[in-house]
Amino acid sequence: MAAADCDDASFAAARQGQGEAVLCIERPEGRLRLNVEIADTEAERERGLMGRDHLDPGSGMIFVYPGPRTVAFWMHDTPLPSTCFSSMPRATF
């Protein structure tokens, strides 16, 4: 895996509608690489993964907000299993 896969350029391109971004998470057992769609507008965050019945392994969606805030997620019409995590240090689920 090339380190360039995990740079800010893929996020910038994805935020401009040019494909998926690559999100890399460093873990003690090794790097986890995920292909993610970016939901960074109100409409995209509202739609989320609604109506999807399949995601490829190693893929998902990242919800980007303009700043720290309290958010709630309702997985309406989303029959996919989900995992949530936050990059904020005091996030609770």
PDB file of N, CA and C in Angstrom:
ATOM      1  N   MET A   1       0.844  -1.170   0.000  1.00  0.00           N
ATOM      2  CA  MET A   1       0.000   0.000   0.000  1.00  0.00           C
ATOM      3  C   MET A   1       0.889   1.232   0.000  1.00  0.00           C
ATOM      4  N   ALA A   2       0.634   2.137  -0.889  1.00  0.00           N
ATOM      5  CA  ALA A   2       1.422   3.363  -0.974  1.00  0.00           C
ATOM      6  C   ALA A   2       0.919   4.386   0.029  1.00  0.00           C
ATOM      7  N   ALA A   3       1.841   5.099   0.663  1.00  0.00           N
ATOM      8  CA  ALA A   3       1.461   6.112   1.632  1.00  0.00           C
ATOM      9  C   ALA A   3       0.624   7.211   0.992  1.00  0.00           C
ATOM     10  N   ALA A   4       0.830   7.467  -0.296  1.00  0.00           N
ATOM     11  CA  ALA A   4       0.073   8.506  -0.991  1.00  0.00           C
ATOM     12  C   ALA A   4      -1.419   8.210  -1.014  1.00  0.00           C
ATOM     13  N   ASP A   5      -1.788   6.942  -0.834  1.00  0.00           N
ATOM     14  CA  ASP A   5      -3.202   6.590  -0.782  1.00  0.00           C
ATOM     15  C   ASP A   5      -3.913   7.275   0.375  1.00  0.00           C
ATOM     16  N   CYS A   6      -3.162   7.660   1.398  1.00  0.00           N
ATOM     17  CA  CYS A   6      -3.753   8.157   2.629  1.00  0.00           C
ATOM     18  C   CYS A   6      -3.477   9.636   2.846  1.00  0.00           C
ATOM     19  N   ASP A   7      -3.402  10.409   1.806  1.00  0.00           N
ATOM     20  CA  ASP A   7      -3.074  11.818   1.980  1.00  0.00           C
ATOM     21  C   ASP A   7      -4.308  12.717   1.858  1.00  0.00           C
ATOM     22  N   ASP A   8      -4.116  13.991   2.122  1.00  0.00           N
ATOM     23  CA  ASP A   8      -5.207  14.955   2.066  1.00  0.00           C
ATOM     24  C   ASP A   8      -5.729  15.165   0.648  1.00  0.00           C
ATOM     25  N   ALA A   9      -4.930  14.863  -0.352  1.00  0.00           N
ATOM     26  CA  ALA A   9      -5.359  15.086  -1.736  1.00  0.00           C
ATOM     27  C   ALA A   9      -6.574  14.244  -2.094  1.00  0.00           C
ATOM     28  N   SER A  10      -6.649  13.014  -1.608  1.00  0.00           N
ATOM     29  CA  SER A  10      -7.812  12.187  -1.932  1.00  0.00           C
ATOM     30  C   SER A  10      -9.071  12.752  -1.291  1.00  0.00           C
ATOM     31  N   PHE A  11      -8.958  13.336  -0.087  1.00  0.00           N
ATOM     32  CA  PHE A  11     -10.119  13.961   0.539  1.00  0.00           C
ATOM     33  C   PHE A  11     -10.532  15.209  -0.225  1.00  0.00           C
ATOM     34  N   ALA A  12      -9.572  16.016  -0.641  1.00  0.00           N
ATOM     35  CA  ALA A  12      -9.891  17.223  -1.399  1.00  0.00           C
ATOM     36  C   ALA A  12     -10.604  16.864  -2.702  1.00  0.00           C
ATOM     37  N   ALA A  13     -10.115  15.851  -3.392  1.00  0.00           N
ATOM     38  CA  ALA A  13     -10.738  15.417  -4.648  1.00  0.00           C
ATOM     39  C   ALA A  13     -12.141  14.871  -4.392  1.00  0.00           C
ATOM     40  N   ALA A  14     -12.290  14.064  -3.348  1.00  0.00           N
ATOM     41  CA  ALA A  14     -13.600  13.492  -3.033  1.00  0.00           C
ATOM     42  C   ALA A  14     -14.600  14.576  -2.664  1.00  0.00           C
ATOM     43  N   ARG A  15     -14.155  15.608  -1.958  1.00  0.00           N
ATOM     44  CA  ARG A  15     -15.059  16.696  -1.581  1.00  0.00           C
ATOM     45  C   ARG A  15     -15.482  17.506  -2.794  1.00  0.00           C
ATOM     46  N   GLN A  16     -14.762  17.391  -3.896  1.00  0.00           N
ATOM     47  CA  GLN A  16     -15.134  18.049  -5.146  1.00  0.00           C
ATOM     48  C   GLN A  16     -15.924  17.096  -6.045  1.00  0.00           C
ATOM     49  N   GLY A  17     -16.323  15.937  -5.520  1.00  0.00           N
ATOM     50  CA  GLY A  17     -17.115  14.988  -6.292  1.00  0.00           C
ATOM     51  C   GLY A  17     -16.314  14.113  -7.221  1.00  0.00           C
ATOM     52  N   GLN A  18     -15.016  13.979  -6.960  1.00  0.00           N
ATOM     53  CA  GLN A  18     -14.152  13.195  -7.833  1.00  0.00           C
ATOM     54  C   GLN A  18     -13.791  11.857  -7.206  1.00  0.00           C
ATOM     55  N   GLY A  19     -14.794  11.069  -6.891  1.00  0.00           N
ATOM     56  CA  GLY A  19     -14.560   9.728  -6.388  1.00  0.00           C
ATOM     57  C   GLY A  19     -14.507   9.640  -4.874  1.00  0.00           C
ATOM     58  N   GLU A  20     -14.091   8.474  -4.411  1.00  0.00           N
ATOM     59  CA  GLU A  20     -14.017   8.209  -2.982  1.00  0.00           C
ATOM     60  C   GLU A  20     -12.691   8.689  -2.416  1.00  0.00           C
ATOM     61  N   ALA A  21     -12.698   8.938  -1.122  1.00  0.00           N
ATOM     62  CA  ALA A  21     -11.470   9.283  -0.414  1.00  0.00           C
ATOM     63  C   ALA A  21     -10.921   8.026   0.238  1.00  0.00           C
ATOM     64  N   VAL A  22      -9.654   8.045   0.555  1.00  0.00           N
ATOM     65  CA  VAL A  22      -9.033   6.949   1.274  1.00  0.00           C
ATOM     66  C   VAL A  22      -8.780   7.430   2.696  1.00  0.00           C
ATOM     67  N   LEU A  23      -9.359   6.729   3.653  1.00  0.00           N
ATOM     68  CA  LEU A  23      -9.185   7.043   5.063  1.00  0.00           C
ATOM     69  C   LEU A  23      -8.305   5.957   5.665  1.00  0.00           C
ATOM     70  N   CYS A  24      -7.207   6.354   6.275  1.00  0.00           N
ATOM     71  CA  CYS A  24      -6.317   5.391   6.907  1.00  0.00           C
ATOM     72  C   CYS A  24      -6.289   5.636   8.413  1.00  0.00           C
ATOM     73  N   ILE A  25      -6.440   4.573   9.153  1.00  0.00           N
ATOM     74  CA  ILE A  25      -6.435   4.633  10.606  1.00  0.00           C
ATOM     75  C   ILE A  25      -5.279   3.773  11.087  1.00  0.00           C
ATOM     76  N   GLU A  26      -4.374   4.408  11.817  1.00  0.00           N
ATOM     77  CA  GLU A  26      -3.232   3.668  12.362  1.00  0.00           C
ATOM     78  C   GLU A  26      -3.669   2.951  13.630  1.00  0.00           C
ATOM     79  N   ARG A  27      -3.426   1.651  13.687  1.00  0.00           N
ATOM     80  CA  ARG A  27      -3.789   0.817  14.834  1.00  0.00           C
ATOM     81  C   ARG A  27      -2.573   0.009  15.245  1.00  0.00           C
ATOM     82  N   PRO A  28      -2.538  -0.458  16.485  1.00  0.00           N
ATOM     83  CA  PRO A  28      -1.393  -1.283  16.913  1.00  0.00           C
ATOM     84  C   PRO A  28      -1.181  -2.501  16.015  1.00  0.00           C
ATOM     85  N   GLU A  29      -2.262  -3.071  15.491  1.00  0.00           N
ATOM     86  CA  GLU A  29      -2.139  -4.257  14.637  1.00  0.00           C
ATOM     87  C   GLU A  29      -1.905  -3.909  13.169  1.00  0.00           C
ATOM     88  N   GLY A  30      -1.776  -2.632  12.860  1.00  0.00           N
ATOM     89  CA  GLY A  30      -1.477  -2.215  11.489  1.00  0.00           C
ATOM     90  C   GLY A  30      -2.477  -1.212  10.969  1.00  0.00           C
ATOM     91  N   ARG A  31      -2.159  -0.652   9.844  1.00  0.00           N
ATOM     92  CA  ARG A  31      -2.994   0.378   9.219  1.00  0.00           C
ATOM     93  C   ARG A  31      -4.271  -0.221   8.655  1.00  0.00           C
ATOM     94  N   LEU A  32      -5.382   0.433   8.952  1.00  0.00           N
ATOM     95  CA  LEU A  32      -6.676   0.077   8.381  1.00  0.00           C
ATOM     96  C   LEU A  32      -6.969   1.089   7.285  1.00  0.00           C
ATOM     97  N   ARG A  33      -7.174   0.611   6.066  1.00  0.00           N
ATOM     98  CA  ARG A  33      -7.425   1.475   4.908  1.00  0.00           C
ATOM     99  C   ARG A  33      -8.870   1.299   4.474  1.00  0.00           C
ATOM    100  N   LEU A  34      -9.608   2.409   4.427  1.00  0.00           N
ATOM    101  CA  LEU A  34     -11.012   2.377   4.036  1.00  0.00           C
ATOM    102  C   LEU A  34     -11.258   3.326   2.868  1.00  0.00           C
ATOM    103  N   ASN A  35     -12.063   2.904   1.918  1.00  0.00           N
ATOM    104  CA  ASN A  35     -12.525   3.783   0.845  1.00  0.00           C
ATOM    105  C   ASN A  35     -13.842   4.383   1.323  1.00  0.00           C
ATOM    106  N   VAL A  36     -13.884   5.700   1.447  1.00  0.00           N
ATOM    107  CA  VAL A  36     -15.073   6.337   2.005  1.00  0.00           C
ATOM    108  C   VAL A  36     -15.641   7.391   1.071  1.00  0.00           C
ATOM    109  N   GLU A  37     -16.957   7.453   1.049  1.00  0.00           N
ATOM    110  CA  GLU A  37     -17.651   8.565   0.415  1.00  0.00           C
ATOM    111  C   GLU A  37     -17.737   9.663   1.466  1.00  0.00           C
ATOM    112  N   ILE A  38     -17.689  10.903   1.040  1.00  0.00           N
ATOM    113  CA  ILE A  38     -17.745  12.017   1.979  1.00  0.00           C
ATOM    114  C   ILE A  38     -19.114  12.688   1.895  1.00  0.00           C
ATOM    115  N   ALA A  39     -19.777  12.774   3.047  1.00  0.00           N
ATOM    116  CA  ALA A  39     -21.037  13.514   3.160  1.00  0.00           C
ATOM    117  C   ALA A  39     -20.720  14.793   3.920  1.00  0.00           C
ATOM    118  N   ASP A  40     -20.538  15.895   3.186  1.00  0.00           N
ATOM    119  CA  ASP A  40     -20.142  17.142   3.846  1.00  0.00           C
ATOM    120  C   ASP A  40     -21.098  18.292   3.609  1.00  0.00           C
ATOM    121  N   THR A  41     -22.246  18.000   3.013  1.00  0.00           N
ATOM    122  CA  THR A  41     -23.301  19.011   2.912  1.00  0.00           C
ATOM    123  C   THR A  41     -24.494  18.514   3.713  1.00  0.00           C
ATOM    124  N   GLU A  42     -25.384  19.421   4.072  1.00  0.00           N
ATOM    125  CA  GLU A  42     -26.555  19.014   4.841  1.00  0.00           C
ATOM    126  C   GLU A  42     -27.357  17.942   4.101  1.00  0.00           C
ATOM    127  N   ALA A  43     -27.546  18.126   2.800  1.00  0.00           N
ATOM    128  CA  ALA A  43     -28.311  17.156   2.006  1.00  0.00           C
ATOM    129  C   ALA A  43     -27.624  15.793   1.978  1.00  0.00           C
ATOM    130  N   GLU A  44     -26.306  15.770   1.806  1.00  0.00           N
ATOM    131  CA  GLU A  44     -25.578  14.488   1.773  1.00  0.00           C
ATOM    132  C   GLU A  44     -25.622  13.801   3.133  1.00  0.00           C
ATOM    133  N   ARG A  45     -25.484  14.577   4.212  1.00  0.00           N
ATOM    134  CA  ARG A  45     -25.546  13.980   5.552  1.00  0.00           C
ATOM    135  C   ARG A  45     -26.942  13.451   5.836  1.00  0.00           C
ATOM    136  N   GLU A  46     -27.968  14.156   5.369  1.00  0.00           N
ATOM    137  CA  GLU A  46     -29.342  13.702   5.587  1.00  0.00           C
ATOM    138  C   GLU A  46     -29.617  12.409   4.829  1.00  0.00           C
ATOM    139  N   ARG A  47     -29.128  12.310   3.602  1.00  0.00           N
ATOM    140  CA  ARG A  47     -29.344  11.118   2.770  1.00  0.00           C
ATOM    141  C   ARG A  47     -28.488   9.946   3.267  1.00  0.00           C
ATOM    142  N   GLY A  48     -27.238  10.221   3.624  1.00  0.00           N
ATOM    143  CA  GLY A  48     -26.355   9.183   4.146  1.00  0.00           C
ATOM    144  C   GLY A  48     -26.344   7.938   3.290  1.00  0.00           C
ATOM    145  N   LEU A  49     -26.543   6.811   3.910  1.00  0.00           N
ATOM    146  CA  LEU A  49     -26.555   5.519   3.202  1.00  0.00           C
ATOM    147  C   LEU A  49     -27.976   4.996   2.989  1.00  0.00           C
ATOM    148  N   MET A  50     -28.961   5.876   3.129  1.00  0.00           N
ATOM    149  CA  MET A  50     -30.354   5.480   3.007  1.00  0.00           C
ATOM    150  C   MET A  50     -30.617   4.808   1.655  1.00  0.00           C
ATOM    151  N   GLY A  51     -31.314   3.701   1.704  1.00  0.00           N
ATOM    152  CA  GLY A  51     -31.692   2.989   0.492  1.00  0.00           C
ATOM    153  C   GLY A  51     -30.638   2.041  -0.045  1.00  0.00           C
ATOM    154  N   ARG A  52     -29.475   2.018   0.551  1.00  0.00           N
ATOM    155  CA  ARG A  52     -28.413   1.109   0.090  1.00  0.00           C
ATOM    156  C   ARG A  52     -28.611  -0.260   0.724  1.00  0.00           C
ATOM    157  N   ASP A  53     -28.352  -1.284  -0.036  1.00  0.00           N
ATOM    158  CA  ASP A  53     -28.408  -2.629   0.530  1.00  0.00           C
ATOM    159  C   ASP A  53     -27.069  -3.342   0.420  1.00  0.00           C
ATOM    160  N   HIS A  54     -26.037  -2.607  -0.029  1.00  0.00           N
ATOM    161  CA  HIS A  54     -24.717  -3.226  -0.176  1.00  0.00           C
ATOM    162  C   HIS A  54     -23.627  -2.157  -0.091  1.00  0.00           C
ATOM    163  N   LEU A  55     -22.559  -2.488   0.604  1.00  0.00           N
ATOM    164  CA  LEU A  55     -21.316  -1.719   0.580  1.00  0.00           C
ATOM    165  C   LEU A  55     -20.193  -2.725   0.402  1.00  0.00           C
ATOM    166  N   ASP A  56     -19.226  -2.401  -0.413  1.00  0.00           N
ATOM    167  CA  ASP A  56     -18.078  -3.283  -0.581  1.00  0.00           C
ATOM    168  C   ASP A  56     -17.298  -3.367   0.720  1.00  0.00           C
ATOM    169  N   PRO A  57     -16.658  -4.494   0.978  1.00  0.00           N
ATOM    170  CA  PRO A  57     -15.798  -4.586   2.168  1.00  0.00           C
ATOM    171  C   PRO A  57     -14.742  -3.480   2.135  1.00  0.00           C
ATOM    172  N   GLY A  58     -14.483  -2.896   3.287  1.00  0.00           N
ATOM    173  CA  GLY A  58     -13.478  -1.839   3.369  1.00  0.00           C
ATOM    174  C   GLY A  58     -13.960  -0.489   2.878  1.00  0.00           C
ATOM    175  N   SER A  59     -15.277  -0.316   2.774  1.00  0.00           N
ATOM    176  CA  SER A  59     -15.799   0.966   2.314  1.00  0.00           C
ATOM    177  C   SER A  59     -16.854   1.482   3.280  1.00  0.00           C
ATOM    178  N   GLY A  60     -17.170   2.764   3.159  1.00  0.00           N
ATOM    179  CA  GLY A  60     -18.168   3.357   4.027  1.00  0.00           C
ATOM    180  C   GLY A  60     -18.387   4.813   3.700  1.00  0.00           C
ATOM    181  N   MET A  61     -18.866   5.548   4.683  1.00  0.00           N
ATOM    182  CA  MET A  61     -19.160   6.967   4.501  1.00  0.00           C
ATOM    183  C   MET A  61     -18.655   7.716   5.717  1.00  0.00           C
ATOM    184  N   ILE A  62     -18.085   8.875   5.480  1.00  0.00           N
ATOM    185  CA  ILE A  62     -17.627   9.737   6.557  1.00  0.00           C
ATOM    186  C   ILE A  62     -18.484  11.006   6.514  1.00  0.00           C
ATOM    187  N   PHE A  63     -18.980  11.400   7.674  1.00  0.00           N
ATOM    188  CA  PHE A  63     -19.824  12.581   7.800  1.00  0.00           C
ATOM    189  C   PHE A  63     -18.970  13.721   8.337  1.00  0.00           C
ATOM    190  N   VAL A  64     -18.828  14.766   7.534  1.00  0.00           N
ATOM    191  CA  VAL A  64     -17.975  15.901   7.891  1.00  0.00           C
ATOM    192  C   VAL A  64     -18.867  17.084   8.246  1.00  0.00           C
ATOM    193  N   TYR A  65     -18.598  17.677   9.406  1.00  0.00           N
ATOM    194  CA  TYR A  65     -19.339  18.852   9.863  1.00  0.00           C
ATOM    195  C   TYR A  65     -18.395  20.035   9.942  1.00  0.00           C
ATOM    196  N   PRO A  66     -18.932  21.263   9.855  1.00  0.00           N
ATOM    197  CA  PRO A  66     -18.074  22.443   9.868  1.00  0.00           C
ATOM    198  C   PRO A  66     -17.348  22.678  11.192  1.00  0.00           C
ATOM    199  N   GLY A  67     -17.757  22.026  12.255  1.00  0.00           N
ATOM    200  CA  GLY A  67     -17.104  22.195  13.548  1.00  0.00           C
ATOM    201  C   GLY A  67     -17.705  21.246  14.561  1.00  0.00           C
ATOM    202  N   PRO A  68     -17.159  21.221  15.764  1.00  0.00           N
ATOM    203  CA  PRO A  68     -17.697  20.335  16.808  1.00  0.00           C
ATOM    204  C   PRO A  68     -19.165  20.650  17.094  1.00  0.00           C
ATOM    205  N   ARG A  69     -19.958  19.622  17.295  1.00  0.00           N
ATOM    206  CA  ARG A  69     -21.378  19.777  17.575  1.00  0.00           C
ATOM    207  C   ARG A  69     -21.968  18.459  18.040  1.00  0.00           C
ATOM    208  N   THR A  70     -23.135  18.532  18.619  1.00  0.00           N
ATOM    209  CA  THR A  70     -23.879  17.329  18.982  1.00  0.00           C
ATOM    210  C   THR A  70     -24.680  16.912  17.760  1.00  0.00           C
ATOM    211  N   VAL A  71     -24.567  15.651  17.386  1.00  0.00           N
ATOM    212  CA  VAL A  71     -25.317  15.139  16.238  1.00  0.00           C
ATOM    213  C   VAL A  71     -26.036  13.864  16.633  1.00  0.00           C
ATOM    214  N   ALA A  72     -27.086  13.561  15.905  1.00  0.00           N
ATOM    215  CA  ALA A  72     -27.826  12.317  16.090  1.00  0.00           C
ATOM    216  C   ALA A  72     -27.938  11.638  14.728  1.00  0.00           C
ATOM    217  N   PHE A  73     -27.844  10.323  14.732  1.00  0.00           N
ATOM    218  CA  PHE A  73     -27.963   9.560  13.493  1.00  0.00           C
ATOM    219  C   PHE A  73     -29.165   8.637  13.595  1.00  0.00           C
ATOM    220  N   TRP A  74     -29.997   8.686  12.581  1.00  0.00           N
ATOM    221  CA  TRP A  74     -31.140   7.798  12.464  1.00  0.00           C
ATOM    222  C   TRP A  74     -30.927   7.019  11.185  1.00  0.00           C
ATOM    223  N   MET A  75     -30.798   5.726  11.281  1.00  0.00           N
ATOM    224  CA  MET A  75     -30.455   4.893  10.135  1.00  0.00           C
ATOM    225  C   MET A  75     -31.710   4.416   9.394  1.00  0.00           C
ATOM    226  N   HIS A  76     -32.599   5.349   9.057  1.00  0.00           N
ATOM    227  CA  HIS A  76     -33.840   5.035   8.364  1.00  0.00           C
ATOM    228  C   HIS A  76     -33.554   4.415   7.000  1.00  0.00           C
ATOM    229  N   ASP A  77     -34.250   3.314   6.703  1.00  0.00           N
ATOM    230  CA  ASP A  77     -34.148   2.664   5.400  1.00  0.00           C
ATOM    231  C   ASP A  77     -32.699   2.325   5.041  1.00  0.00           C
ATOM    232  N   THR A  78     -31.937   1.908   6.065  1.00  0.00           N
ATOM    233  CA  THR A  78     -30.537   1.526   5.855  1.00  0.00           C
ATOM    234  C   THR A  78     -30.336   0.139   6.468  1.00  0.00           C
ATOM    235  N   PRO A  79     -30.530  -0.911   5.674  1.00  0.00           N
ATOM    236  CA  PRO A  79     -30.440  -2.267   6.213  1.00  0.00           C
ATOM    237  C   PRO A  79     -29.005  -2.790   6.364  1.00  0.00           C
ATOM    238  N   LEU A  80     -28.038  -1.908   6.319  1.00  0.00           N
ATOM    239  CA  LEU A  80     -26.637  -2.317   6.433  1.00  0.00           C
ATOM    240  C   LEU A  80     -26.192  -2.296   7.895  1.00  0.00           C
ATOM    241  N   PRO A  81     -25.316  -3.204   8.283  1.00  0.00           N
ATOM    242  CA  PRO A  81     -24.716  -3.075   9.613  1.00  0.00           C
ATOM    243  C   PRO A  81     -23.818  -1.839   9.624  1.00  0.00           C
ATOM    244  N   SER A  82     -23.707  -1.188  10.766  1.00  0.00           N
ATOM    245  CA  SER A  82     -22.892   0.030  10.800  1.00  0.00           C
ATOM    246  C   SER A  82     -22.011   0.068  12.040  1.00  0.00           C
ATOM    247  N   THR A  83     -20.935   0.794  11.899  1.00  0.00           N
ATOM    248  CA  THR A  83     -20.017   1.072  12.995  1.00  0.00           C
ATOM    249  C   THR A  83     -19.781   2.567  12.977  1.00  0.00           C
ATOM    250  N   CYS A  84     -19.846   3.185  14.138  1.00  0.00           N
ATOM    251  CA  CYS A  84     -19.613   4.626  14.227  1.00  0.00           C
ATOM    252  C   CYS A  84     -18.373   4.887  15.059  1.00  0.00           C
ATOM    253  N   PHE A  85     -17.628   5.892  14.651  1.00  0.00           N
ATOM    254  CA  PHE A  85     -16.531   6.382  15.471  1.00  0.00           C
ATOM    255  C   PHE A  85     -16.366   7.858  15.188  1.00  0.00           C
ATOM    256  N   SER A  86     -15.698   8.526  16.064  1.00  0.00           N
ATOM    257  CA  SER A  86     -15.513   9.966  15.937  1.00  0.00           C
ATOM    258  C   SER A  86     -14.048  10.310  16.091  1.00  0.00           C
ATOM    259  N   SER A  87     -13.639  11.361  15.402  1.00  0.00           N
ATOM    260  CA  SER A  87     -12.269  11.833  15.569  1.00  0.00           C
ATOM    261  C   SER A  87     -12.183  12.850  16.699  1.00  0.00           C
ATOM    262  N   MET A  88     -13.292  13.162  17.302  1.00  0.00           N
ATOM    263  CA  MET A  88     -13.307  14.105  18.422  1.00  0.00           C
ATOM    264  C   MET A  88     -12.932  13.366  19.709  1.00  0.00           C
ATOM    265  N   PRO A  89     -12.079  13.954  20.545  1.00  0.00           N
ATOM    266  CA  PRO A  89     -11.562  13.248  21.715  1.00  0.00           C
ATOM    267  C   PRO A  89     -12.608  12.902  22.777  1.00  0.00           C
ATOM    268  N   ARG A  90     -13.721  13.617  22.867  1.00  0.00           N
ATOM    269  CA  ARG A  90     -14.694  13.328  23.912  1.00  0.00           C
ATOM    270  C   ARG A  90     -16.004  12.805  23.359  1.00  0.00           C
ATOM    271  N   ALA A  91     -15.992  12.177  22.225  1.00  0.00           N
ATOM    272  CA  ALA A  91     -17.221  11.685  21.609  1.00  0.00           C
ATOM    273  C   ALA A  91     -17.779  10.504  22.401  1.00  0.00           C
ATOM    274  N   THR A  92     -19.105  10.455  22.487  1.00  0.00           N
ATOM    275  CA  THR A  92     -19.785   9.305  23.105  1.00  0.00           C
ATOM    276  C   THR A  92     -20.856   8.809  22.163  1.00  0.00           C
ATOM    277  N   PHE A  93     -21.156   7.510  22.280  1.00  0.00           N
ATOM    278  CA  PHE A  93     -22.183   6.910  21.424  1.00  0.00           C
ATOM    279  C   PHE A  93     -23.191   6.188  22.273  1.00  0.00           C
TER     280      PHE A  93
END
